[in-house]
C-alpha atoms as a PDB file:
ATOM      1  CA  MET A   1       0.000   0.000   0.000  1.00  0.00           C
ATOM      2  CA  PHE A   2       2.889   2.379   0.749  1.00  0.00           C
ATOM      3  CA  GLU A   3       5.214   1.877  -2.199  1.00  0.00           C
ATOM      4  CA  GLN A   4       7.295   4.956  -1.401  1.00  0.00           C
ATOM      5  CA  GLY A   5       7.903   3.836   2.194  1.00  0.00           C
ATOM      6  CA  LEU A   6       6.424   5.457   5.286  1.00  0.00           C
ATOM      7  CA  ALA A   7       6.870   9.033   6.491  1.00  0.00           C
ATOM      8  CA  GLU A   8       7.124   9.691  10.253  1.00  0.00           C
ATOM      9  CA  LEU A   9       7.218  13.402  11.065  1.00  0.00           C
ATOM     10  CA  HIS A  10       6.264  13.462  14.751  1.00  0.00           C
ATOM     11  CA  THR A  11       8.371  11.295  16.998  1.00  0.00           C
ATOM     12  CA  HIS A  12      10.342  12.318  20.081  1.00  0.00           C
ATOM     13  CA  LEU A  13      13.858  11.000  20.573  1.00  0.00           C
ATOM     14  CA  GLY A  14      12.994  10.102  24.183  1.00  0.00           C
ATOM     15  CA  GLY A  15      10.244   7.785  22.944  1.00  0.00           C
ATOM     16  CA  SER A  16      11.941   6.332  19.867  1.00  0.00           C
ATOM     17  CA  VAL A  17      14.745   4.187  21.286  1.00  0.00           C
ATOM     18  CA  ALA A  18      14.249   0.527  22.244  1.00  0.00           C
ATOM     19  CA  THR A  19      14.159  -0.186  25.967  1.00  0.00           C
ATOM     20  CA  ASP A  20      17.129  -2.550  25.884  1.00  0.00           C
ATOM     21  CA  ILE A  21      19.304   0.171  24.351  1.00  0.00           C
ATOM     22  CA  MET A  22      18.128   2.676  26.972  1.00  0.00           C
ATOM     23  CA  TRP A  23      18.911   0.127  29.696  1.00  0.00           C
ATOM     24  CA  SER A  24      22.449  -0.361  28.379  1.00  0.00           C
ATOM     25  CA  LEU A  25      23.037   3.372  27.975  1.00  0.00           C
ATOM     26  CA  ALA A  26      22.005   3.981  31.568  1.00  0.00           C
ATOM     27  CA  HIS A  27      24.404   1.326  32.880  1.00  0.00           C
ATOM     28  CA  GLU A  28      27.284   2.404  30.657  1.00  0.00           C
ATOM     29  CA  GLN A  29      27.003   5.933  32.090  1.00  0.00           C
ATOM     30  CA  GLY A  30      26.645   4.796  35.681  1.00  0.00           C
ATOM     31  CA  ILE A  31      23.177   6.310  36.100  1.00  0.00           C
ATOM     32  CA  ALA A  32      21.476   5.230  39.326  1.00  0.00           C
ATOM     33  CA  LEU A  33      18.177   3.857  38.067  1.00  0.00           C
ATOM     34  CA  PRO A  34      15.141   3.486  40.336  1.00  0.00           C
ATOM     35  CA  THR A  35      15.178  -0.284  39.727  1.00  0.00           C
ATOM     36  CA  ARG A  36      17.674  -3.051  39.016  1.00  0.00           C
ATOM     37  CA  ASP A  37      15.148  -5.213  37.187  1.00  0.00           C
ATOM     38  CA  PHE A  38      14.983  -4.757  33.413  1.00  0.00           C
ATOM     39  CA  TRP A  39      11.283  -5.530  33.083  1.00  0.00           C
ATOM     40  CA  GLU A  40      10.346  -3.058  35.778  1.00  0.00           C
ATOM     41  CA  PHE A  41      12.512  -0.497  33.968  1.00  0.00           C
ATOM     42  CA  ASP A  42      10.711  -1.350  30.734  1.00  0.00           C
ATOM     43  CA  ARG A  43       7.415  -0.465  32.390  1.00  0.00           C
ATOM     44  CA  MET A  44       8.890   2.809  33.676  1.00  0.00           C
ATOM     45  CA  VAL A  45      10.013   4.136  30.301  1.00  0.00           C
ATOM     46  CA  THR A  46       6.966   3.097  28.273  1.00  0.00           C
ATOM     47  CA  VAL A  47       3.221   3.488  28.498  1.00  0.00           C
ATOM     48  CA  SER A  48       2.981  -0.129  29.591  1.00  0.00           C
ATOM     49  CA  ASP A  49      -0.623  -0.066  30.821  1.00  0.00           C
ATOM     50  CA  PRO A  50      -2.951  -0.607  27.824  1.00  0.00           C
ATOM     51  CA  ARG A  51      -5.392   1.758  29.534  1.00  0.00           C
ATOM     52  CA  GLY A  52      -2.821   4.516  29.070  1.00  0.00           C
ATOM     53  CA  VAL A  53      -1.745   7.241  31.484  1.00  0.00           C
ATOM     54  CA  PRO A  54      -4.007   9.508  33.547  1.00  0.00           C
ATOM     55  CA  ASP A  55      -2.831  12.696  31.809  1.00  0.00           C
ATOM     56  CA  LEU A  56       0.010  14.397  29.958  1.00  0.00           C
ATOM     57  CA  ASP A  57       1.791  15.192  33.234  1.00  0.00           C
ATOM     58  CA  SER A  58       2.190  11.444  33.778  1.00  0.00           C
ATOM     59  CA  LEU A  59       3.692  11.146  30.304  1.00  0.00           C
ATOM     60  CA  ASP A  60       6.091  13.993  31.084  1.00  0.00           C
ATOM     61  CA  ARG A  61       7.377  11.997  34.063  1.00  0.00           C
ATOM     62  CA  ILE A  62       8.243   9.111  31.743  1.00  0.00           C
ATOM     63  CA  TYR A  63      10.043  11.493  29.405  1.00  0.00           C
ATOM     64  CA  HIS A  64      12.011  12.883  32.341  1.00  0.00           C
ATOM     65  CA  LEU A  65      13.657   9.487  32.861  1.00  0.00           C
ATOM     66  CA  THR A  66      14.429   8.901  29.190  1.00  0.00           C
ATOM     67  CA  GLU A  67      15.853  12.415  28.899  1.00  0.00           C
ATOM     68  CA  LEU A  68      18.121  11.770  31.887  1.00  0.00           C
ATOM     69  CA  ILE A  69      19.464   8.603  30.284  1.00  0.00           C
ATOM     70  CA  GLN A  70      20.067  10.430  26.995  1.00  0.00           C
ATOM     71  CA  SER A  71      21.855  13.351  28.697  1.00  0.00           C
ATOM     72  CA  SER A  72      25.342  12.854  27.312  1.00  0.00           C
ATOM     73  CA  PRO A  73      26.946  13.142  23.872  1.00  0.00           C
ATOM     74  CA  ILE A  74      27.478   9.383  23.499  1.00  0.00           C
ATOM     75  CA  ALA A  75      23.919   8.606  24.572  1.00  0.00           C
ATOM     76  CA  VAL A  76      22.426  11.153  22.176  1.00  0.00           C
ATOM     77  CA  GLU A  77      24.539   9.899  19.282  1.00  0.00           C
ATOM     78  CA  ARG A  78      23.598   6.283  19.865  1.00  0.00           C
ATOM     79  CA  SER A  79      19.944   7.173  20.391  1.00  0.00           C
ATOM     80  CA  VAL A  80      19.633   9.060  17.111  1.00  0.00           C
ATOM     81  CA  HIS A  81      21.467   6.330  15.226  1.00  0.00           C
ATOM     82  CA  ALA A  82      19.311   3.596  16.777  1.00  0.00           C
ATOM     83  CA  ALA A  83      16.038   5.436  16.183  1.00  0.00           C
ATOM     84  CA  ILE A  84      16.692   5.976  12.474  1.00  0.00           C
ATOM     85  CA  GLY A  85      17.966   2.454  11.845  1.00  0.00           C
ATOM     86  CA  GLY A  86      15.160   0.876  13.844  1.00  0.00           C
ATOM     87  CA  ALA A  87      12.517   2.886  11.993  1.00  0.00           C
ATOM     88  CA  TYR A  88      13.752   1.709   8.599  1.00  0.00           C
ATOM     89  CA  ARG A  89      14.368  -1.913   9.567  1.00  0.00           C
ATOM     90  CA  SER A  90      11.042  -2.464  11.321  1.00  0.00           C
ATOM     91  CA  GLN A  91       8.705  -0.163   9.363  1.00  0.00           C
ATOM     92  CA  GLN A  92      10.499   0.808   6.138  1.00  0.00           C
ATOM     93  CA  ILE A  93      10.246   4.456   7.145  1.00  0.00           C
ATOM     94  CA  THR A  94      12.049   6.418   4.438  1.00  0.00           C
ATOM     95  CA  THR A  95      11.319   9.952   5.684  1.00  0.00           C
ATOM     96  CA  LEU A  96      11.968  10.501   9.385  1.00  0.00           C
ATOM     97  CA  GLU A  97      12.152  13.623  11.516  1.00  0.00           C
ATOM     98  CA  LEU A  98      13.368  13.198  15.087  1.00  0.00           C
ATOM     99  CA  ARG A  99      12.676  15.936  17.615  1.00  0.00           C
ATOM    100  CA  PHE A 100      14.329  16.580  20.945  1.00  0.00           C
ATOM    101  CA  ASN A 101      15.195  19.388  23.329  1.00  0.00           C
ATOM    102  CA  PRO A 102      19.005  19.670  23.575  1.00  0.00           C
ATOM    103  CA  MET A 103      18.779  21.605  26.855  1.00  0.00           C
ATOM    104  CA  LYS A 104      17.029  18.616  28.412  1.00  0.00           C
ATOM    105  CA  ARG A 105      19.993  16.472  27.356  1.00  0.00           C
ATOM    106  CA  ASN A 106      22.787  18.563  28.926  1.00  0.00           C
ATOM    107  CA  ARG A 107      21.991  17.991  32.621  1.00  0.00           C
ATOM    108  CA  GLY A 108      21.000  21.549  33.412  1.00  0.00           C
ATOM    109  CA  GLY A 109      24.051  23.070  31.743  1.00  0.00           C
ATOM    110  CA  GLU A 110      26.596  20.573  33.026  1.00  0.00           C
ATOM    111  CA  ARG A 111      27.177  19.399  29.446  1.00  0.00           C
ATOM    112  CA  ASP A 112      28.064  21.767  26.620  1.00  0.00           C
ATOM    113  CA  LEU A 113      25.019  22.308  24.420  1.00  0.00           C
ATOM    114  CA  ASP A 114      26.969  22.294  21.165  1.00  0.00           C
ATOM    115  CA  HIS A 115      28.498  18.921  22.054  1.00  0.00           C
ATOM    116  CA  ILE A 116      25.000  17.481  22.570  1.00  0.00           C
ATOM    117  CA  ILE A 117      23.738  18.789  19.231  1.00  0.00           C
ATOM    118  CA  LEU A 118      26.866  17.698  17.355  1.00  0.00           C
ATOM    119  CA  ALA A 119      26.492  14.236  18.882  1.00  0.00           C
ATOM    120  CA  ALA A 120      22.970  14.048  17.467  1.00  0.00           C
ATOM    121  CA  ILE A 121      24.340  15.106  14.092  1.00  0.00           C
ATOM    122  CA  ARG A 122      26.981  12.372  14.256  1.00  0.00           C
ATOM    123  CA  GLY A 123      24.227   9.842  14.921  1.00  0.00           C
ATOM    124  CA  LEU A 124      22.335  11.230  11.940  1.00  0.00           C
ATOM    125  CA  ASP A 125      25.408  11.023   9.722  1.00  0.00           C
ATOM    126  CA  ARG A 126      26.191   7.456  10.756  1.00  0.00           C
ATOM    127  CA  ALA A 127      22.625   6.367  10.077  1.00  0.00           C
ATOM    128  CA  SER A 128      22.624   8.071   6.660  1.00  0.00           C
ATOM    129  CA  LEU A 129      25.666   6.004   5.662  1.00  0.00           C
ATOM    130  CA  GLU A 130      24.065   2.748   6.791  1.00  0.00           C
ATOM    131  CA  TYR A 131      20.562   3.501   5.484  1.00  0.00           C
ATOM    132  CA  PRO A 132      20.872   5.654   2.337  1.00  0.00           C
ATOM    133  CA  GLN A 133      17.208   4.976   1.545  1.00  0.00           C
ATOM    134  CA  VAL A 134      16.180   7.174   4.486  1.00  0.00           C
ATOM    135  CA  ARG A 135      15.845  10.950   4.496  1.00  0.00           C
ATOM    136  CA  ALA A 136      16.278  11.958   8.123  1.00  0.00           C
ATOM    137  CA  GLY A 137      16.479  15.282   9.918  1.00  0.00           C
ATOM    138  CA  LEU A 138      16.473  16.760  13.412  1.00  0.00           C
ATOM    139  CA  ILE A 139      13.983  19.181  14.957  1.00  0.00           C
ATOM    140  CA  LEU A 140      15.218  21.129  17.993  1.00  0.00           C
ATOM    141  CA  MET A 141      12.554  21.805  20.600  1.00  0.00           C
ATOM    142  CA  MET A 142      11.877  24.792  22.797  1.00  0.00           C
ATOM    143  CA  ASP A 143       9.937  24.246  26.030  1.00  0.00           C
ATOM    144  CA  ARG A 144       6.911  25.912  27.597  1.00  0.00           C
ATOM    145  CA  THR A 145       8.626  25.884  31.001  1.00  0.00           C
ATOM    146  CA  PHE A 146      11.715  27.716  29.688  1.00  0.00           C
ATOM    147  CA  THR A 147      12.353  31.437  29.728  1.00  0.00           C
ATOM    148  CA  VAL A 148      12.123  33.448  26.535  1.00  0.00           C
ATOM    149  CA  ASP A 149      15.928  33.690  26.479  1.00  0.00           C
ATOM    150  CA  GLN A 150      16.436  29.949  26.938  1.00  0.00           C
ATOM    151  CA  ASN A 151      14.093  29.229  24.055  1.00  0.00           C
ATOM    152  CA  MET A 152      15.927  31.745  21.890  1.00  0.00           C
ATOM    153  CA  VAL A 153      19.166  29.840  22.492  1.00  0.00           C
ATOM    154  CA  VAL A 154      17.510  26.697  21.104  1.00  0.00           C
ATOM    155  CA  VAL A 155      16.442  28.569  17.965  1.00  0.00           C
ATOM    156  CA  GLU A 156      19.901  30.082  17.515  1.00  0.00           C
ATOM    157  CA  LYS A 157      21.480  26.635  17.774  1.00  0.00           C
ATOM    158  CA  ALA A 158      19.003  25.250  15.238  1.00  0.00           C
ATOM    159  CA  ILE A 159      19.999  27.980  12.794  1.00  0.00           C
ATOM    160  CA  ARG A 160      23.697  27.412  13.474  1.00  0.00           C
ATOM    161  CA  TYR A 161      23.456  23.709  12.629  1.00  0.00           C
ATOM    162  CA  GLN A 162      20.920  23.959   9.823  1.00  0.00           C
ATOM    163  CA  SER A 163      23.521  22.931   7.247  1.00  0.00           C
ATOM    164  CA  ARG A 164      24.303  19.796   9.269  1.00  0.00           C
ATOM    165  CA  GLY A 165      20.850  18.233   9.375  1.00  0.00           C
ATOM    166  CA  VAL A 166      18.742  20.367  11.737  1.00  0.00           C
ATOM    167  CA  VAL A 167      15.593  21.021   9.710  1.00  0.00           C
ATOM    168  CA  GLY A 168      13.132  22.711  12.061  1.00  0.00           C
ATOM    169  CA  VAL A 169      12.059  23.955  15.471  1.00  0.00           C
ATOM    170  CA  ASP A 170       9.173  23.055  17.773  1.00  0.00           C
ATOM    171  CA  ILE A 171       7.916  23.806  21.271  1.00  0.00           C
ATOM    172  CA  ALA A 172       6.360  21.406  23.770  1.00  0.00           C
ATOM    173  CA  GLY A 173       6.601  20.686  27.496  1.00  0.00           C
ATOM    174  CA  PRO A 174       4.107  20.940  30.348  1.00  0.00           C
ATOM    175  CA  ARG A 175       1.335  23.523  30.084  1.00  0.00           C
ATOM    176  CA  PRO A 176       0.239  25.549  33.138  1.00  0.00           C
ATOM    177  CA  SER A 177      -2.487  23.607  34.909  1.00  0.00           C
ATOM    178  CA  GLY A 178      -5.928  25.082  34.297  1.00  0.00           C
ATOM    179  CA  ALA A 179      -4.598  28.069  32.393  1.00  0.00           C
ATOM    180  CA  ARG A 180      -3.667  29.123  28.886  1.00  0.00           C
ATOM    181  CA  TRP A 181      -0.073  29.290  27.711  1.00  0.00           C
ATOM    182  CA  ASP A 182       0.780  32.468  25.815  1.00  0.00           C
ATOM    183  CA  TYR A 183       2.234  31.402  22.468  1.00  0.00           C
ATOM    184  CA  THR A 184       2.785  35.003  21.374  1.00  0.00           C
ATOM    185  CA  GLN A 185       5.898  35.117  23.570  1.00  0.00           C
ATOM    186  CA  ILE A 186       7.734  32.973  21.005  1.00  0.00           C
ATOM    187  CA  ARG A 187       6.618  34.950  17.959  1.00  0.00           C
ATOM    188  CA  GLU A 188      10.104  36.412  17.511  1.00  0.00           C
ATOM    189  CA  HIS A 189      11.634  32.950  17.866  1.00  0.00           C
ATOM    190  CA  VAL A 190       9.381  31.521  15.163  1.00  0.00           C
ATOM    191  CA  GLU A 191       9.982  34.432  12.789  1.00  0.00           C
ATOM    192  CA  LEU A 192      13.755  34.122  13.231  1.00  0.00           C
ATOM    193  CA  ALA A 193      13.662  30.383  12.497  1.00  0.00           C
ATOM    194  CA  ARG A 194      11.381  30.846   9.501  1.00  0.00           C
ATOM    195  CA  ASP A 195      13.510  33.649   8.042  1.00  0.00           C
ATOM    196  CA  ALA A 196      16.539  31.353   8.303  1.00  0.00           C
ATOM    197  CA  GLY A 197      14.733  28.709   6.241  1.00  0.00           C
ATOM    198  CA  LEU A 198      13.880  26.286   9.043  1.00  0.00           C
ATOM    199  CA  GLY A 199      10.554  24.524   9.239  1.00  0.00           C
ATOM    200  CA  VAL A 200       8.241  25.416  12.118  1.00  0.00           C
ATOM    201  CA  THR A 201       5.950  23.002  13.926  1.00  0.00           C
ATOM    202  CA  ILE A 202       4.168  23.760  17.197  1.00  0.00           C
ATOM    203  CA  HIS A 203       2.745  21.406  19.827  1.00  0.00           C
ATOM    204  CA  VAL A 204      -0.768  22.706  20.487  1.00  0.00           C
ATOM    205  CA  GLY A 205      -4.398  21.622  20.508  1.00  0.00           C
ATOM    206  CA  GLU A 206      -3.844  18.198  22.034  1.00  0.00           C
ATOM    207  CA  GLU A 207      -5.618  18.842  25.312  1.00  0.00           C
ATOM    208  CA  GLY A 208      -6.740  21.661  27.561  1.00  0.00           C
ATOM    209  CA  GLY A 209     -10.417  21.942  26.621  1.00  0.00           C
ATOM    210  CA  ALA A 210     -11.530  25.495  25.842  1.00  0.00           C
ATOM    211  CA  HIS A 211      -8.068  26.841  26.696  1.00  0.00           C
ATOM    212  CA  GLY A 212      -6.555  24.376  24.242  1.00  0.00           C
ATOM    213  CA  VAL A 213      -8.873  25.549  21.465  1.00  0.00           C
ATOM    214  CA  GLU A 214      -7.973  29.189  22.227  1.00  0.00           C
ATOM    215  CA  GLU A 215      -4.254  28.351  22.143  1.00  0.00           C
ATOM    216  CA  LEU A 216      -4.704  26.564  18.834  1.00  0.00           C
ATOM    217  CA  GLY A 217      -6.442  29.589  17.338  1.00  0.00           C
ATOM    218  CA  GLU A 218      -3.700  31.864  18.655  1.00  0.00           C
ATOM    219  CA  VAL A 219      -0.989  29.720  17.084  1.00  0.00           C
ATOM    220  CA  VAL A 220      -2.753  29.686  13.717  1.00  0.00           C
ATOM    221  CA  ASP A 221      -3.319  33.460  13.774  1.00  0.00           C
ATOM    222  CA  THR A 222      -0.014  34.719  15.178  1.00  0.00           C
ATOM    223  CA  LEU A 223       2.678  32.075  14.602  1.00  0.00           C
ATOM    224  CA  LYS A 224       1.433  30.633  11.292  1.00  0.00           C
ATOM    225  CA  PRO A 225       3.538  27.458  11.537  1.00  0.00           C
ATOM    226  CA  ASP A 226       4.049  25.039   8.678  1.00  0.00           C
ATOM    227  CA  ARG A 227       2.708  22.199  10.800  1.00  0.00           C
ATOM    228  CA  ILE A 228       1.018  21.640  14.156  1.00  0.00           C
ATOM    229  CA  GLY A 229       1.830  18.751  16.482  1.00  0.00           C
ATOM    230  CA  HIS A 230      -1.485  17.048  17.284  1.00  0.00           C
ATOM    231  CA  GLY A 231      -4.061  19.859  16.824  1.00  0.00           C
ATOM    232  CA  ILE A 232      -6.949  17.437  17.250  1.00  0.00           C
ATOM    233  CA  LEU A 233      -9.086  19.954  19.171  1.00  0.00           C
ATOM    234  CA  ALA A 234      -9.619  21.726  15.842  1.00  0.00           C
ATOM    235  CA  ALA A 235     -12.056  18.972  14.875  1.00  0.00           C
ATOM    236  CA  ARG A 236     -14.564  20.514  17.303  1.00  0.00           C
ATOM    237  CA  ASP A 237     -14.543  23.940  15.629  1.00  0.00           C
ATOM    238  CA  PRO A 238     -15.456  24.363  11.926  1.00  0.00           C
ATOM    239  CA  GLU A 239     -14.135  27.955  11.843  1.00  0.00           C
ATOM    240  CA  LEU A 240     -10.797  26.845  13.245  1.00  0.00           C
ATOM    241  CA  MET A 241     -10.572  24.017  10.729  1.00  0.00           C
ATOM    242  CA  ALA A 242     -11.263  26.536   7.966  1.00  0.00           C
ATOM    243  CA  ALA A 243      -8.473  28.764   9.296  1.00  0.00           C
ATOM    244  CA  ILE A 244      -6.018  25.851   9.389  1.00  0.00           C
ATOM    245  CA  ARG A 245      -6.962  24.829   5.869  1.00  0.00           C
ATOM    246  CA  GLY A 246      -6.681  28.430   4.654  1.00  0.00           C
ATOM    247  CA  ALA A 247      -3.227  28.811   6.200  1.00  0.00           C
ATOM    248  CA  ASP A 248      -2.094  25.533   4.576  1.00  0.00           C
ATOM    249  CA  ILE A 249      -1.039  24.109   7.940  1.00  0.00           C
ATOM    250  CA  THR A 250      -0.664  20.342   8.235  1.00  0.00           C
ATOM    251  CA  LEU A 251      -1.593  18.558  11.449  1.00  0.00           C
ATOM    252  CA  GLU A 252       0.641  15.773  12.782  1.00  0.00           C
ATOM    253  CA  VAL A 253      -1.911  13.399  14.327  1.00  0.00           C
ATOM    254  CA  CYS A 254      -0.794  10.591  16.649  1.00  0.00           C
ATOM    255  CA  PRO A 255      -3.838   8.316  17.220  1.00  0.00           C
ATOM    256  CA  THR A 256      -2.460   5.782  19.712  1.00  0.00           C
ATOM    257  CA  SER A 257      -0.733   8.480  21.739  1.00  0.00           C
ATOM    258  CA  ASN A 258      -3.965  10.477  21.905  1.00  0.00           C
ATOM    259  CA  LEU A 259      -5.823   7.389  23.106  1.00  0.00           C
ATOM    260  CA  LEU A 260      -3.211   6.551  25.733  1.00  0.00           C
ATOM    261  CA  THR A 261      -3.161  10.087  27.140  1.00  0.00           C
ATOM    262  CA  LYS A 262      -6.987  10.300  27.112  1.00  0.00           C
ATOM    263  CA  ALA A 263      -6.872  13.200  24.653  1.00  0.00           C
ATOM    264  CA  LEU A 264      -9.312  11.062  22.647  1.00  0.00           C
ATOM    265  CA  ALA A 265     -11.743   8.925  24.617  1.00  0.00           C
ATOM    266  CA  GLY A 266     -11.890   5.892  22.347  1.00  0.00           C
ATOM    267  CA  ASP A 267     -12.165   4.551  18.813  1.00  0.00           C
ATOM    268  CA  ASP A 268     -15.424   6.400  18.163  1.00  0.00           C
ATOM    269  CA  GLU A 269     -13.832   9.753  18.986  1.00  0.00           C
ATOM    270  CA  VAL A 270     -10.795   8.918  16.859  1.00  0.00           C
ATOM    271  CA  ARG A 271     -13.089   8.146  13.940  1.00  0.00           C
ATOM    272  CA  GLU A 272     -15.164  11.297  14.472  1.00  0.00           C
ATOM    273  CA  THR A 273     -12.010  13.436  14.649  1.00  0.00           C
ATOM    274  CA  PHE A 274     -10.582  12.128  11.388  1.00  0.00           C
ATOM    275  CA  ARG A 275     -13.888  12.300   9.545  1.00  0.00           C
ATOM    276  CA  ALA A 276     -14.288  15.936  10.642  1.00  0.00           C
ATOM    277  CA  LEU A 277     -10.781  16.798   9.432  1.00  0.00           C
ATOM    278  CA  ILE A 278     -11.408  15.120   6.085  1.00  0.00           C
ATOM    279  CA  ASP A 279     -14.864  16.671   5.653  1.00  0.00           C
ATOM    280  CA  HIS A 280     -13.385  20.157   6.241  1.00  0.00           C
ATOM    281  CA  GLY A 281     -10.335  19.622   4.050  1.00  0.00           C
ATOM    282  CA  VAL A 282      -7.765  19.880   6.848  1.00  0.00           C
ATOM    283  CA  PRO A 283      -4.446  18.306   5.769  1.00  0.00           C
ATOM    284  CA  PHE A 284      -2.847  15.858   8.197  1.00  0.00           C
ATOM    285  CA  THR A 285      -0.159  13.220   8.511  1.00  0.00           C
ATOM    286  CA  ILE A 286      -0.112  10.135  10.734  1.00  0.00           C
ATOM    287  CA  ALA A 287       2.594   9.657  13.368  1.00  0.00           C
ATOM    288  CA  THR A 288       3.405   7.706  16.534  1.00  0.00           C
ATOM    289  CA  ASP A 289       4.719  10.402  18.927  1.00  0.00           C
ATOM    290  CA  GLY A 290       7.329   7.837  19.999  1.00  0.00           C
ATOM    291  CA  PRO A 291       6.935   4.217  18.886  1.00  0.00           C
ATOM    292  CA  GLU A 292       8.891   2.562  21.677  1.00  0.00           C
ATOM    293  CA  MET A 293       7.350   4.581  24.503  1.00  0.00           C
ATOM    294  CA  MET A 294       3.822   4.159  23.089  1.00  0.00           C
ATOM    295  CA  ARG A 295       4.400   0.497  22.248  1.00  0.00           C
ATOM    296  CA  THR A 296       3.194   1.026  18.707  1.00  0.00           C
ATOM    297  CA  HIS A 297       4.583   1.437  15.210  1.00  0.00           C
ATOM    298  CA  LEU A 298       3.541   3.568  12.273  1.00  0.00           C
ATOM    299  CA  ARG A 299       1.998   0.644  10.409  1.00  0.00           C
ATOM    300  CA  ASP A 300      -0.033  -0.117  13.553  1.00  0.00           C
ATOM    301  CA  GLU A 301      -1.399   3.431  13.422  1.00  0.00           C
ATOM    302  CA  PHE A 302      -2.596   3.034   9.849  1.00  0.00           C
ATOM    303  CA  GLU A 303      -4.037  -0.407  10.582  1.00  0.00           C
ATOM    304  CA  LEU A 304      -5.988   1.038  13.537  1.00  0.00           C
ATOM    305  CA  LEU A 305      -7.427   3.856  11.438  1.00  0.00           C
ATOM    306  CA  LEU A 306      -8.429   1.507   8.641  1.00  0.00           C
ATOM    307  CA  ARG A 307      -9.939  -1.036  11.041  1.00  0.00           C
ATOM    308  CA  ILE A 308     -12.188   1.444  12.839  1.00  0.00           C
ATOM    309  CA  GLY A 309     -13.260   3.225   9.659  1.00  0.00           C
ATOM    310  CA  ALA A 310     -11.469   6.489  10.427  1.00  0.00           C
ATOM    311  CA  LEU A 311      -9.744   6.400   7.034  1.00  0.00           C
ATOM    312  CA  THR A 312     -10.229   4.627   3.739  1.00  0.00           C
ATOM    313  CA  GLU A 313      -7.225   3.002   2.116  1.00  0.00           C
ATOM    314  CA  ASP A 314      -6.936   5.851  -0.387  1.00  0.00           C
ATOM    315  CA  GLU A 315      -7.063   8.416   2.420  1.00  0.00           C
ATOM    316  CA  ALA A 316      -4.353   6.536   4.322  1.00  0.00           C
ATOM    317  CA  VAL A 317      -2.090   6.486   1.264  1.00  0.00           C
ATOM    318  CA  ALA A 318      -2.718  10.201   0.716  1.00  0.00           C
ATOM    319  CA  ALA A 319      -1.863  11.009   4.348  1.00  0.00           C
ATOM    320  CA  ASN A 320       1.400   9.071   4.107  1.00  0.00           C
ATOM    321  CA  TYR A 321       2.369  10.682   0.812  1.00  0.00           C
ATOM    322  CA  ARG A 322       1.596  14.066   2.330  1.00  0.00           C
ATOM    323  CA  GLY A 323       4.082  13.235   5.083  1.00  0.00           C
ATOM    324  CA  HIS A 324       6.863  12.891   2.511  1.00  0.00           C
ATOM    325  CA  ASP A 325       5.697  16.056   0.775  1.00  0.00           C
ATOM    326  CA  VAL A 326       5.496  18.387   3.814  1.00  0.00           C
ATOM    327  CA  SER A 327       8.645  17.132   5.507  1.00  0.00           C
ATOM    328  CA  PHE A 328      11.157  19.805   6.413  1.00  0.00           C
ATOM    329  CA  ILE A 329      13.991  17.646   5.101  1.00  0.00           C
ATOM    330  CA  GLY A 330      13.584  18.551   1.449  1.00  0.00           C
ATOM    331  CA  SER A 331      11.404  18.200  -1.572  1.00  0.00           C
ATOM    332  CA  ARG A 332      13.111  15.402  -3.455  1.00  0.00           C
ATOM    333  CA  THR A 333      11.103  12.224  -3.937  1.00  0.00           C
ATOM    334  CA  PRO A 334      12.060   9.609  -1.363  1.00  0.00           C
ATOM    335  CA  ALA A 335      13.831   6.464  -2.522  1.00  0.00           C
ATOM    336  CA  ARG A 336      11.582   3.451  -2.928  1.00  0.00           C
ATOM    337  CA  ALA A 337      11.857   1.016  -0.054  1.00  0.00           C
END
């Protein structure tokens, strides 16, 4: 069905590396883990309960552990290399963007930030030699808990290493509980990245109820990103869907992740969300958010959507092809798997 291979545009480095590799990395670096049993560790760094997690804060706690383990140049290099190779070997993913926050990999400033980013680039380069069929790139992430200045450093580093495989910027991280997060405070950051030729994607519209819808509208109106991470709350608002379509913004939808975090209540809501997006002409791609952490793979995502009637086969193929097309990595046609 996917002759050109799969495109995965929304996956976090902390959720994309196999548990056994994370286990070895932790031991090699002498990190004191909360357990000495591998299977208990496996449950700690994945969403192991099929019922999911109570909320996104619970997911952030899992990411905190994986980020700690990946907080060294050697760990980042091996993680990037393993994620790209694993994606191609297991899923024939031929377009892959990996996102991570370098400041959450340098142990609060203990490690030099440039060394962390260059390590990721080395992992990217090594993988490109071993898997020439794969177009891969890195997205550097800002964080909603960071200061404006800290987030500007991330953007400046992304621009500095744009010629080495950094293709875009993003922002994620915990939102203030019960309140809106002001996305206008990163308007300058986004404009600087865009002017430098980087792609812009923004985590927004995954949860937060009415506040989440307001944030999503603010992002569309003021930041005008190329893509939006998740954005599923738009399906509740026809005017917002029209604005997204008019701005030619592509949503990166992660069905299993949204189910596990309770952002979507069940298969019926997944189906209703996708049918609304299709009916209103909103472009989207399908992604995992982190295949190892979510215990899923990209082909599983498509199989789920086909099984529950959220997408037809033609719509699934179109969504995957769109992923290749809107990738920040480049416009050349991907090699056939």
